[in-house]
Amino acid sequence: MTVEERTPSSLRSRGASLAPASAQRTLLDAQPLAREFPAALTAAGLWPLRPVGLQVLQLNLGKVCNQACRHCHVDAGPDRRESMSRETMEACLRLVERWRVPTVDLTGGAPEMNPHFRWLVERCRALGAHVMDRCNLTILETAPHRDLPEFFARHGVEVVCSLPHYRAPSTDRQRGDGVYERSIAALQRLNALGYGDGA
């Protein structure tokens, strides 16, 4: 049995009442707030908000993931199929080029599972953008993605790693059996390429 098979499935596949975004918004809208967002900003002297320039473009490349963490805010998982199309990526790249966006932040799901991930990274770098990849680590231990650490190093990608806890039982309880061990193995491979050396 693989880690993915021992990991909980997404809300959608479980038929949970909170699976639709509309149900989540309804629940959130019904919660009483001490004060509304504009009032909080006014009290802090920050209202009205004013644009200061685009520094980071974060792109969610889809809900496909090799894990299905119970705490996932986008309900990603192995059973999800939603992925950003290459056409949408091309529109994003036009924006990066036009506005000279300095940083492109790639997230998901596991953004690396989007079939156009590597192409997008290469195009962003060719446009001079710094690329961040929000990585769950275990994806780097799967057969199709084992060479990603070298790909990241070659293209100067900043890897923002996700590890819920420094102890195996807590991590595995959140993300599935064996996740901690695979995550540490992936971190060691990244370390061997110079990631995390403080330079």
N, C-alpha and C. Protein backbone atom coordinates (compact mmCIF):
# COMPACT_ATOMS: atom_id res chain seq x y z
N MET A 1 0.85 -1.18 0.00
CA MET A 1 0.00 0.00 0.00
C MET A 1 0.89 1.24 0.00
N THR A 2 0.58 2.23 -0.83
CA THR A 2 1.40 3.44 -0.93
C THR A 2 0.96 4.47 0.10
N VAL A 3 1.79 5.50 0.28
CA VAL A 3 1.44 6.60 1.18
C VAL A 3 0.12 7.22 0.75
N GLU A 4 -0.04 7.40 -0.56
CA GLU A 4 -1.26 8.03 -1.06
C GLU A 4 -2.51 7.24 -0.69
N GLU A 5 -2.41 5.90 -0.71
CA GLU A 5 -3.57 5.07 -0.38
C GLU A 5 -3.91 5.11 1.10
N ARG A 6 -2.90 5.39 1.94
CA ARG A 6 -3.14 5.47 3.38
C ARG A 6 -3.50 6.88 3.83
N THR A 7 -3.47 7.84 2.90
CA THR A 7 -3.75 9.23 3.21
C THR A 7 -5.23 9.48 3.03
N PRO A 8 -5.84 10.33 3.89
CA PRO A 8 -7.26 10.61 3.73
C PRO A 8 -7.57 11.22 2.36
N SER A 9 -8.77 10.97 1.87
CA SER A 9 -9.17 11.52 0.58
C SER A 9 -9.70 12.93 0.77
N SER A 10 -9.91 13.62 -0.35
CA SER A 10 -10.37 15.01 -0.29
C SER A 10 -11.81 15.08 0.21
N LEU A 11 -12.22 16.28 0.62
CA LEU A 11 -13.60 16.50 1.05
C LEU A 11 -14.58 16.13 -0.05
N ARG A 12 -14.23 16.50 -1.29
CA ARG A 12 -15.13 16.23 -2.41
C ARG A 12 -15.36 14.74 -2.59
N SER A 13 -14.28 13.95 -2.55
CA SER A 13 -14.46 12.51 -2.78
C SER A 13 -15.20 11.85 -1.62
N ARG A 14 -15.14 12.46 -0.42
CA ARG A 14 -15.88 11.92 0.72
C ARG A 14 -17.33 12.40 0.75
N GLY A 15 -17.68 13.29 -0.17
CA GLY A 15 -19.05 13.81 -0.21
C GLY A 15 -19.37 14.71 0.98
N ALA A 16 -18.34 15.36 1.54
CA ALA A 16 -18.53 16.22 2.71
C ALA A 16 -19.35 17.45 2.35
N SER A 17 -20.15 17.90 3.29
CA SER A 17 -21.02 19.05 3.04
C SER A 17 -20.23 20.33 2.77
N LEU A 18 -19.00 20.41 3.25
CA LEU A 18 -18.19 21.61 3.04
C LEU A 18 -17.34 21.54 1.77
N ALA A 19 -17.51 20.52 0.95
CA ALA A 19 -16.70 20.40 -0.26
C ALA A 19 -16.91 21.56 -1.23
N PRO A 20 -18.14 22.00 -1.49
CA PRO A 20 -18.30 23.13 -2.43
C PRO A 20 -17.84 24.45 -1.80
N ALA A 21 -17.15 25.26 -2.59
CA ALA A 21 -16.68 26.56 -2.10
C ALA A 21 -17.86 27.42 -1.65
N SER A 22 -19.00 27.28 -2.31
CA SER A 22 -20.18 28.08 -1.93
C SER A 22 -20.62 27.75 -0.51
N ALA A 23 -20.54 26.47 -0.11
CA ALA A 23 -20.92 26.08 1.25
C ALA A 23 -19.93 26.65 2.26
N GLN A 24 -18.66 26.69 1.89
CA GLN A 24 -17.65 27.27 2.78
C GLN A 24 -17.89 28.77 2.97
N ARG A 25 -18.21 29.47 1.86
CA ARG A 25 -18.46 30.91 1.95
C ARG A 25 -19.70 31.20 2.79
N THR A 26 -20.74 30.39 2.62
CA THR A 26 -21.96 30.57 3.41
C THR A 26 -21.66 30.44 4.90
N LEU A 27 -20.90 29.42 5.25
CA LEU A 27 -20.53 29.22 6.66
C LEU A 27 -19.71 30.38 7.20
N LEU A 28 -18.74 30.83 6.41
CA LEU A 28 -17.89 31.94 6.84
C LEU A 28 -18.68 33.24 6.97
N ASP A 29 -19.58 33.47 6.02
CA ASP A 29 -20.39 34.70 6.06
C ASP A 29 -21.29 34.75 7.29
N ALA A 30 -21.64 33.59 7.81
CA ALA A 30 -22.54 33.52 8.97
C ALA A 30 -21.81 33.74 10.30
N GLN A 31 -20.48 33.77 10.27
CA GLN A 31 -19.72 33.92 11.51
C GLN A 31 -19.67 35.38 11.92
N PRO A 32 -19.97 35.67 13.19
CA PRO A 32 -19.89 37.06 13.65
C PRO A 32 -18.43 37.51 13.77
N LEU A 33 -18.17 38.73 13.36
CA LEU A 33 -16.83 39.30 13.45
C LEU A 33 -16.82 40.44 14.45
N ALA A 34 -15.71 40.61 15.15
CA ALA A 34 -15.59 41.73 16.08
C ALA A 34 -15.69 43.04 15.33
N ARG A 35 -15.11 43.08 14.12
CA ARG A 35 -15.25 44.24 13.23
C ARG A 35 -14.92 43.80 11.81
N GLU A 36 -15.48 44.50 10.87
CA GLU A 36 -15.26 44.18 9.46
C GLU A 36 -13.86 44.62 9.04
N PHE A 37 -13.39 44.06 7.94
CA PHE A 37 -12.04 44.32 7.45
C PHE A 37 -11.76 45.81 7.25
N PRO A 38 -12.65 46.56 6.56
CA PRO A 38 -12.38 48.00 6.40
C PRO A 38 -12.25 48.74 7.74
N ALA A 39 -13.07 48.34 8.72
CA ALA A 39 -12.99 48.99 10.04
C ALA A 39 -11.66 48.69 10.71
N ALA A 40 -11.17 47.46 10.58
CA ALA A 40 -9.88 47.09 11.17
C ALA A 40 -8.75 47.88 10.51
N LEU A 41 -8.83 48.04 9.19
CA LEU A 41 -7.80 48.80 8.49
C LEU A 41 -7.86 50.27 8.87
N THR A 42 -9.05 50.81 9.01
CA THR A 42 -9.22 52.20 9.42
C THR A 42 -8.58 52.43 10.79
N ALA A 43 -8.85 51.51 11.72
CA ALA A 43 -8.28 51.62 13.07
C ALA A 43 -6.75 51.57 13.05
N ALA A 44 -6.19 50.87 12.07
CA ALA A 44 -4.74 50.76 11.94
C ALA A 44 -4.14 51.87 11.08
N GLY A 45 -5.02 52.78 10.57
CA GLY A 45 -4.55 53.88 9.73
C GLY A 45 -4.16 53.45 8.33
N LEU A 46 -4.74 52.35 7.86
CA LEU A 46 -4.39 51.81 6.54
C LEU A 46 -5.52 51.88 5.53
N TRP A 47 -6.62 52.56 5.88
CA TRP A 47 -7.76 52.65 4.95
C TRP A 47 -7.81 54.04 4.35
N PRO A 48 -8.05 54.17 3.06
CA PRO A 48 -8.29 53.09 2.09
C PRO A 48 -6.98 52.45 1.63
N LEU A 49 -7.10 51.20 1.18
CA LEU A 49 -5.94 50.51 0.64
C LEU A 49 -5.51 51.18 -0.67
N ARG A 50 -4.21 51.24 -0.88
CA ARG A 50 -3.69 51.82 -2.12
C ARG A 50 -2.68 50.83 -2.72
N PRO A 51 -2.73 50.66 -4.04
CA PRO A 51 -1.77 49.74 -4.66
C PRO A 51 -0.35 50.30 -4.54
N VAL A 52 0.60 49.40 -4.34
CA VAL A 52 2.00 49.81 -4.23
C VAL A 52 2.86 49.13 -5.29
N GLY A 53 2.25 48.47 -6.24
CA GLY A 53 3.00 47.78 -7.28
C GLY A 53 2.96 46.27 -7.08
N LEU A 54 3.06 45.57 -8.17
CA LEU A 54 2.98 44.11 -8.16
C LEU A 54 4.37 43.54 -7.94
N GLN A 55 4.58 42.90 -6.79
CA GLN A 55 5.88 42.31 -6.46
C GLN A 55 5.89 40.80 -6.62
N VAL A 56 4.75 40.15 -6.34
CA VAL A 56 4.68 38.69 -6.39
C VAL A 56 3.39 38.28 -7.09
N LEU A 57 3.50 37.41 -8.06
CA LEU A 57 2.33 36.81 -8.70
C LEU A 57 2.28 35.36 -8.25
N GLN A 58 1.26 35.02 -7.43
CA GLN A 58 1.12 33.63 -6.98
C GLN A 58 0.15 32.92 -7.90
N LEU A 59 0.57 31.79 -8.42
CA LEU A 59 -0.25 30.99 -9.33
C LEU A 59 -0.54 29.64 -8.70
N ASN A 60 -1.83 29.34 -8.54
CA ASN A 60 -2.23 28.01 -8.07
C ASN A 60 -2.39 27.15 -9.32
N LEU A 61 -1.49 26.18 -9.49
CA LEU A 61 -1.47 25.38 -10.71
C LEU A 61 -2.46 24.24 -10.72
N GLY A 62 -3.23 24.08 -9.66
CA GLY A 62 -4.27 23.06 -9.67
C GLY A 62 -4.45 22.39 -8.33
N LYS A 63 -5.41 21.48 -8.29
CA LYS A 63 -5.74 20.76 -7.06
C LYS A 63 -5.20 19.34 -7.03
N VAL A 64 -4.50 18.95 -8.08
CA VAL A 64 -3.91 17.60 -8.12
C VAL A 64 -2.74 17.57 -7.14
N CYS A 65 -2.71 16.55 -6.29
CA CYS A 65 -1.64 16.42 -5.30
C CYS A 65 -1.42 14.94 -5.00
N ASN A 66 -0.22 14.59 -4.61
CA ASN A 66 0.06 13.21 -4.23
C ASN A 66 -0.33 12.95 -2.77
N GLN A 67 -0.73 14.00 -2.06
CA GLN A 67 -1.21 13.86 -0.69
C GLN A 67 -2.63 14.41 -0.62
N ALA A 68 -3.33 14.08 0.46
CA ALA A 68 -4.66 14.66 0.73
C ALA A 68 -4.72 14.98 2.22
N CYS A 69 -4.04 16.06 2.59
CA CYS A 69 -3.95 16.43 4.01
C CYS A 69 -5.29 16.93 4.51
N ARG A 70 -5.66 16.52 5.71
CA ARG A 70 -6.95 16.92 6.28
C ARG A 70 -7.08 18.42 6.45
N HIS A 71 -5.96 19.12 6.60
CA HIS A 71 -5.98 20.56 6.83
C HIS A 71 -5.85 21.37 5.53
N CYS A 72 -5.81 20.72 4.39
CA CYS A 72 -5.56 21.43 3.13
C CYS A 72 -6.65 22.47 2.86
N HIS A 73 -6.24 23.71 2.66
CA HIS A 73 -7.21 24.79 2.46
C HIS A 73 -7.80 24.82 1.06
N VAL A 74 -7.24 24.07 0.12
CA VAL A 74 -7.83 24.00 -1.23
C VAL A 74 -8.42 22.63 -1.53
N ASP A 75 -8.42 21.73 -0.54
CA ASP A 75 -8.99 20.39 -0.69
C ASP A 75 -8.35 19.64 -1.86
N ALA A 76 -7.03 19.74 -1.95
CA ALA A 76 -6.29 19.05 -3.00
C ALA A 76 -6.16 17.56 -2.66
N GLY A 77 -5.81 16.76 -3.66
CA GLY A 77 -5.61 15.34 -3.41
C GLY A 77 -5.38 14.55 -4.68
N PRO A 78 -5.04 13.28 -4.53
CA PRO A 78 -4.81 12.42 -5.69
C PRO A 78 -6.06 12.22 -6.54
N ASP A 79 -7.24 12.42 -5.94
CA ASP A 79 -8.49 12.21 -6.67
C ASP A 79 -8.94 13.46 -7.41
N ARG A 80 -8.26 14.59 -7.24
CA ARG A 80 -8.64 15.83 -7.92
C ARG A 80 -7.99 15.87 -9.30
N ARG A 81 -8.64 16.52 -10.25
CA ARG A 81 -8.12 16.58 -11.61
C ARG A 81 -7.95 18.01 -12.12
N GLU A 82 -8.39 19.00 -11.35
CA GLU A 82 -8.32 20.39 -11.82
C GLU A 82 -6.86 20.84 -11.92
N SER A 83 -6.47 21.32 -13.12
CA SER A 83 -5.12 21.82 -13.35
C SER A 83 -5.18 23.04 -14.25
N MET A 84 -4.33 24.01 -13.97
CA MET A 84 -4.25 25.19 -14.82
C MET A 84 -3.81 24.78 -16.22
N SER A 85 -4.46 25.31 -17.23
CA SER A 85 -4.12 24.99 -18.61
C SER A 85 -2.90 25.78 -19.07
N ARG A 86 -2.27 25.30 -20.12
CA ARG A 86 -1.13 26.02 -20.70
C ARG A 86 -1.58 27.37 -21.23
N GLU A 87 -2.79 27.42 -21.77
CA GLU A 87 -3.32 28.69 -22.28
C GLU A 87 -3.40 29.73 -21.17
N THR A 88 -3.88 29.34 -20.00
CA THR A 88 -3.94 30.26 -18.86
C THR A 88 -2.54 30.66 -18.42
N MET A 89 -1.62 29.69 -18.42
CA MET A 89 -0.23 30.00 -18.07
C MET A 89 0.36 31.03 -19.03
N GLU A 90 0.05 30.88 -20.32
CA GLU A 90 0.56 31.83 -21.30
C GLU A 90 0.03 33.24 -21.02
N ALA A 91 -1.24 33.34 -20.61
CA ALA A 91 -1.80 34.64 -20.24
C ALA A 91 -1.07 35.21 -19.03
N CYS A 92 -0.75 34.37 -18.07
CA CYS A 92 0.00 34.80 -16.87
C CYS A 92 1.39 35.27 -17.25
N LEU A 93 2.02 34.58 -18.17
CA LEU A 93 3.36 34.96 -18.61
C LEU A 93 3.34 36.31 -19.32
N ARG A 94 2.28 36.59 -20.07
CA ARG A 94 2.16 37.91 -20.70
C ARG A 94 2.10 38.99 -19.63
N LEU A 95 1.40 38.72 -18.54
CA LEU A 95 1.33 39.67 -17.43
C LEU A 95 2.71 39.85 -16.78
N VAL A 96 3.41 38.74 -16.55
CA VAL A 96 4.75 38.80 -15.96
C VAL A 96 5.67 39.67 -16.82
N GLU A 97 5.58 39.47 -18.14
CA GLU A 97 6.43 40.23 -19.05
C GLU A 97 6.03 41.70 -19.10
N ARG A 98 4.75 41.96 -19.21
CA ARG A 98 4.27 43.34 -19.35
C ARG A 98 4.57 44.17 -18.10
N TRP A 99 4.33 43.60 -16.91
CA TRP A 99 4.49 44.34 -15.67
C TRP A 99 5.82 44.07 -14.98
N ARG A 100 6.68 43.29 -15.66
CA ARG A 100 8.01 42.98 -15.11
C ARG A 100 7.90 42.49 -13.66
N VAL A 101 7.04 41.50 -13.47
CA VAL A 101 6.81 40.94 -12.14
C VAL A 101 8.10 40.29 -11.66
N PRO A 102 8.63 40.71 -10.50
CA PRO A 102 9.91 40.16 -10.07
C PRO A 102 9.87 38.73 -9.55
N THR A 103 8.73 38.31 -8.96
CA THR A 103 8.67 36.97 -8.37
C THR A 103 7.38 36.26 -8.76
N VAL A 104 7.52 35.01 -9.22
CA VAL A 104 6.36 34.16 -9.49
C VAL A 104 6.39 33.01 -8.48
N ASP A 105 5.30 32.89 -7.74
CA ASP A 105 5.18 31.94 -6.62
C ASP A 105 4.21 30.83 -7.06
N LEU A 106 4.71 29.62 -7.19
CA LEU A 106 3.91 28.50 -7.70
C LEU A 106 3.42 27.63 -6.56
N THR A 107 2.12 27.40 -6.52
CA THR A 107 1.52 26.61 -5.46
C THR A 107 0.48 25.68 -6.05
N GLY A 108 -0.21 24.93 -5.19
CA GLY A 108 -1.23 23.98 -5.63
C GLY A 108 -2.11 23.59 -4.46
N GLY A 109 -2.50 22.39 -4.45
CA GLY A 109 -2.04 21.08 -4.81
C GLY A 109 -0.52 20.96 -4.74
N ALA A 110 -0.06 19.99 -5.45
CA ALA A 110 1.38 19.87 -5.69
C ALA A 110 1.60 20.50 -7.06
N PRO A 111 2.14 21.73 -7.10
CA PRO A 111 2.26 22.41 -8.39
C PRO A 111 3.07 21.62 -9.40
N GLU A 112 4.01 20.81 -8.89
CA GLU A 112 4.88 20.02 -9.76
C GLU A 112 4.11 18.98 -10.56
N MET A 113 2.88 18.65 -10.15
CA MET A 113 2.10 17.64 -10.86
C MET A 113 1.35 18.20 -12.07
N ASN A 114 1.36 19.53 -12.21
CA ASN A 114 0.78 20.11 -13.42
C ASN A 114 1.66 19.71 -14.60
N PRO A 115 1.08 19.22 -15.69
CA PRO A 115 1.91 18.73 -16.81
C PRO A 115 2.78 19.80 -17.46
N HIS A 116 2.47 21.09 -17.22
CA HIS A 116 3.24 22.17 -17.83
C HIS A 116 4.16 22.86 -16.82
N PHE A 117 4.35 22.27 -15.66
CA PHE A 117 5.12 22.90 -14.58
C PHE A 117 6.53 23.29 -15.03
N ARG A 118 7.28 22.35 -15.59
CA ARG A 118 8.66 22.64 -15.95
C ARG A 118 8.74 23.70 -17.04
N TRP A 119 7.83 23.61 -18.00
CA TRP A 119 7.79 24.62 -19.06
C TRP A 119 7.55 26.00 -18.46
N LEU A 120 6.62 26.10 -17.52
CA LEU A 120 6.30 27.38 -16.89
C LEU A 120 7.51 27.93 -16.13
N VAL A 121 8.19 27.09 -15.37
CA VAL A 121 9.38 27.53 -14.64
C VAL A 121 10.41 28.08 -15.62
N GLU A 122 10.67 27.36 -16.70
CA GLU A 122 11.67 27.79 -17.68
C GLU A 122 11.28 29.11 -18.32
N ARG A 123 10.00 29.28 -18.63
CA ARG A 123 9.54 30.54 -19.25
C ARG A 123 9.64 31.70 -18.27
N CYS A 124 9.27 31.48 -17.01
CA CYS A 124 9.38 32.54 -16.00
C CYS A 124 10.84 32.97 -15.85
N ARG A 125 11.73 32.01 -15.78
CA ARG A 125 13.15 32.33 -15.62
C ARG A 125 13.68 33.07 -16.85
N ALA A 126 13.22 32.67 -18.04
CA ALA A 126 13.65 33.35 -19.27
C ALA A 126 13.20 34.81 -19.28
N LEU A 127 12.09 35.11 -18.59
CA LEU A 127 11.61 36.48 -18.49
C LEU A 127 12.28 37.26 -17.36
N GLY A 128 13.18 36.60 -16.65
CA GLY A 128 13.92 37.25 -15.58
C GLY A 128 13.25 37.21 -14.22
N ALA A 129 12.16 36.47 -14.09
CA ALA A 129 11.45 36.39 -12.81
C ALA A 129 12.10 35.36 -11.89
N HIS A 130 12.13 35.69 -10.61
CA HIS A 130 12.53 34.75 -9.58
C HIS A 130 11.35 33.78 -9.40
N VAL A 131 11.61 32.48 -9.30
CA VAL A 131 10.54 31.49 -9.16
C VAL A 131 10.62 30.82 -7.80
N MET A 132 9.47 30.78 -7.11
CA MET A 132 9.34 30.05 -5.86
C MET A 132 8.43 28.86 -6.10
N ASP A 133 8.80 27.72 -5.57
CA ASP A 133 7.96 26.52 -5.66
C ASP A 133 7.57 26.10 -4.26
N ARG A 134 6.27 26.04 -3.98
CA ARG A 134 5.78 25.60 -2.67
C ARG A 134 5.61 24.08 -2.73
N CYS A 135 6.54 23.39 -2.12
CA CYS A 135 6.72 21.95 -2.32
C CYS A 135 6.37 21.17 -1.06
N ASN A 136 5.60 20.08 -1.22
CA ASN A 136 5.26 19.24 -0.07
C ASN A 136 6.34 18.20 0.25
N LEU A 137 7.42 18.22 -0.47
CA LEU A 137 8.60 17.35 -0.32
C LEU A 137 8.40 15.94 -0.82
N THR A 138 7.32 15.25 -0.44
CA THR A 138 7.18 13.85 -0.86
C THR A 138 7.03 13.71 -2.36
N ILE A 139 6.59 14.76 -3.04
CA ILE A 139 6.47 14.70 -4.50
C ILE A 139 7.84 14.43 -5.12
N LEU A 140 8.91 14.89 -4.46
CA LEU A 140 10.26 14.71 -4.98
C LEU A 140 10.74 13.27 -4.87
N GLU A 141 10.00 12.45 -4.14
CA GLU A 141 10.35 11.04 -3.97
C GLU A 141 9.50 10.13 -4.86
N THR A 142 8.69 10.72 -5.75
CA THR A 142 7.90 9.91 -6.68
C THR A 142 8.67 9.79 -8.00
N ALA A 143 8.48 8.68 -8.67
CA ALA A 143 9.27 8.38 -9.87
C ALA A 143 9.29 9.49 -10.92
N PRO A 144 8.15 10.07 -11.29
CA PRO A 144 8.21 11.08 -12.36
C PRO A 144 8.88 12.39 -11.94
N HIS A 145 9.09 12.56 -10.64
CA HIS A 145 9.57 13.86 -10.15
C HIS A 145 10.91 13.77 -9.42
N ARG A 146 11.56 12.63 -9.48
CA ARG A 146 12.81 12.44 -8.71
C ARG A 146 13.93 13.38 -9.16
N ASP A 147 13.88 13.85 -10.39
CA ASP A 147 14.94 14.74 -10.88
C ASP A 147 14.65 16.22 -10.63
N LEU A 148 13.54 16.52 -9.96
CA LEU A 148 13.19 17.92 -9.74
C LEU A 148 14.22 18.68 -8.90
N PRO A 149 14.83 18.10 -7.85
CA PRO A 149 15.84 18.88 -7.13
C PRO A 149 16.94 19.42 -8.06
N GLU A 150 17.41 18.59 -8.97
CA GLU A 150 18.43 19.04 -9.92
C GLU A 150 17.87 20.11 -10.86
N PHE A 151 16.62 19.92 -11.30
CA PHE A 151 15.95 20.91 -12.15
C PHE A 151 15.86 22.24 -11.41
N PHE A 152 15.45 22.19 -10.13
CA PHE A 152 15.34 23.42 -9.33
C PHE A 152 16.69 24.12 -9.23
N ALA A 153 17.72 23.37 -8.91
CA ALA A 153 19.05 23.95 -8.75
C ALA A 153 19.54 24.56 -10.07
N ARG A 154 19.31 23.87 -11.17
CA ARG A 154 19.75 24.34 -12.48
C ARG A 154 19.09 25.66 -12.85
N HIS A 155 17.83 25.85 -12.44
CA HIS A 155 17.08 27.05 -12.82
C HIS A 155 16.99 28.08 -11.69
N GLY A 156 17.69 27.85 -10.60
CA GLY A 156 17.70 28.82 -9.51
C GLY A 156 16.35 29.00 -8.85
N VAL A 157 15.58 27.93 -8.75
CA VAL A 157 14.24 27.98 -8.14
C VAL A 157 14.37 27.96 -6.61
N GLU A 158 13.68 28.88 -5.96
CA GLU A 158 13.59 28.87 -4.50
C GLU A 158 12.55 27.84 -4.11
N VAL A 159 12.90 26.91 -3.23
CA VAL A 159 11.98 25.86 -2.83
C VAL A 159 11.51 26.13 -1.41
N VAL A 160 10.21 26.36 -1.27
CA VAL A 160 9.60 26.60 0.04
C VAL A 160 8.96 25.28 0.46
N CYS A 161 9.60 24.61 1.42
CA CYS A 161 9.19 23.26 1.78
C CYS A 161 8.17 23.25 2.91
N SER A 162 7.32 22.26 2.88
CA SER A 162 6.26 22.11 3.87
C SER A 162 6.46 20.81 4.65
N LEU A 163 6.68 20.96 5.95
CA LEU A 163 6.80 19.82 6.86
C LEU A 163 6.06 20.20 8.14
N PRO A 164 4.93 19.54 8.43
CA PRO A 164 4.09 19.98 9.54
C PRO A 164 4.73 19.92 10.93
N HIS A 165 5.65 18.99 11.15
CA HIS A 165 6.19 18.82 12.50
C HIS A 165 7.58 18.21 12.42
N TYR A 166 8.41 18.45 13.43
CA TYR A 166 9.76 17.90 13.43
C TYR A 166 9.81 16.44 13.89
N ARG A 167 8.67 15.90 14.32
CA ARG A 167 8.62 14.49 14.73
C ARG A 167 7.74 13.69 13.77
N ALA A 168 8.15 12.46 13.51
CA ALA A 168 7.43 11.61 12.56
C ALA A 168 5.97 11.36 12.94
N PRO A 169 5.64 11.01 14.19
CA PRO A 169 4.25 10.68 14.50
C PRO A 169 3.27 11.82 14.19
N SER A 170 3.68 13.05 14.51
CA SER A 170 2.79 14.19 14.27
C SER A 170 2.62 14.46 12.78
N THR A 171 3.71 14.40 12.04
CA THR A 171 3.64 14.62 10.59
C THR A 171 2.80 13.55 9.92
N ASP A 172 3.07 12.28 10.25
CA ASP A 172 2.34 11.19 9.61
C ASP A 172 0.86 11.20 9.99
N ARG A 173 0.54 11.65 11.19
CA ARG A 173 -0.86 11.72 11.60
C ARG A 173 -1.61 12.75 10.74
N GLN A 174 -0.93 13.82 10.38
CA GLN A 174 -1.56 14.85 9.55
C GLN A 174 -1.60 14.50 8.08
N ARG A 175 -0.53 13.86 7.58
CA ARG A 175 -0.37 13.71 6.14
C ARG A 175 -0.35 12.29 5.63
N GLY A 176 -0.27 11.31 6.50
CA GLY A 176 -0.27 9.92 6.05
C GLY A 176 1.00 9.19 6.44
N ASP A 177 0.89 7.89 6.59
CA ASP A 177 2.02 7.05 6.99
C ASP A 177 3.20 7.19 6.04
N GLY A 178 4.38 7.37 6.59
CA GLY A 178 5.60 7.42 5.79
C GLY A 178 5.95 8.79 5.23
N VAL A 179 5.08 9.78 5.43
CA VAL A 179 5.33 11.11 4.86
C VAL A 179 6.58 11.74 5.47
N TYR A 180 6.75 11.59 6.79
CA TYR A 180 7.90 12.19 7.45
C TYR A 180 9.21 11.65 6.87
N GLU A 181 9.29 10.32 6.77
CA GLU A 181 10.51 9.68 6.27
C GLU A 181 10.82 10.13 4.85
N ARG A 182 9.82 10.18 4.00
CA ARG A 182 10.03 10.61 2.61
C ARG A 182 10.40 12.09 2.55
N SER A 183 9.80 12.89 3.42
CA SER A 183 10.10 14.32 3.45
C SER A 183 11.56 14.56 3.83
N ILE A 184 12.04 13.84 4.84
CA ILE A 184 13.43 13.99 5.26
C ILE A 184 14.38 13.56 4.15
N ALA A 185 14.04 12.47 3.45
CA ALA A 185 14.86 12.01 2.33
C ALA A 185 14.93 13.09 1.24
N ALA A 186 13.80 13.73 0.96
CA ALA A 186 13.77 14.80 -0.05
C ALA A 186 14.59 16.00 0.41
N LEU A 187 14.47 16.36 1.69
CA LEU A 187 15.26 17.47 2.23
C LEU A 187 16.76 17.19 2.12
N GLN A 188 17.15 15.96 2.39
CA GLN A 188 18.56 15.61 2.30
C GLN A 188 19.07 15.73 0.86
N ARG A 189 18.23 15.36 -0.09
CA ARG A 189 18.62 15.50 -1.50
C ARG A 189 18.76 16.97 -1.87
N LEU A 190 17.84 17.81 -1.39
CA LEU A 190 17.94 19.26 -1.65
C LEU A 190 19.18 19.84 -0.98
N ASN A 191 19.45 19.40 0.27
CA ASN A 191 20.64 19.86 0.98
C ASN A 191 21.92 19.53 0.21
N ALA A 192 21.96 18.35 -0.37
CA ALA A 192 23.14 17.91 -1.12
C ALA A 192 23.41 18.81 -2.33
N LEU A 193 22.37 19.51 -2.80
CA LEU A 193 22.52 20.42 -3.95
C LEU A 193 22.75 21.87 -3.51
N GLY A 194 22.87 22.07 -2.20
CA GLY A 194 23.14 23.42 -1.70
C GLY A 194 21.96 24.14 -1.09
N TYR A 195 20.78 23.53 -1.15
CA TYR A 195 19.62 24.16 -0.52
C TYR A 195 19.74 24.08 1.00
N GLY A 196 19.41 25.18 1.67
CA GLY A 196 19.43 25.21 3.12
C GLY A 196 20.81 25.42 3.72
N ASP A 197 21.80 25.80 2.90
CA ASP A 197 23.15 25.96 3.45
C ASP A 197 23.39 27.38 3.98
N GLY A 198 22.34 28.20 3.91
CA GLY A 198 22.45 29.56 4.45
C GLY A 198 23.10 30.56 3.52
N ALA A 199 23.51 30.14 2.35
CA ALA A 199 24.17 31.06 1.40
C ALA A 199 23.16 31.85 0.61
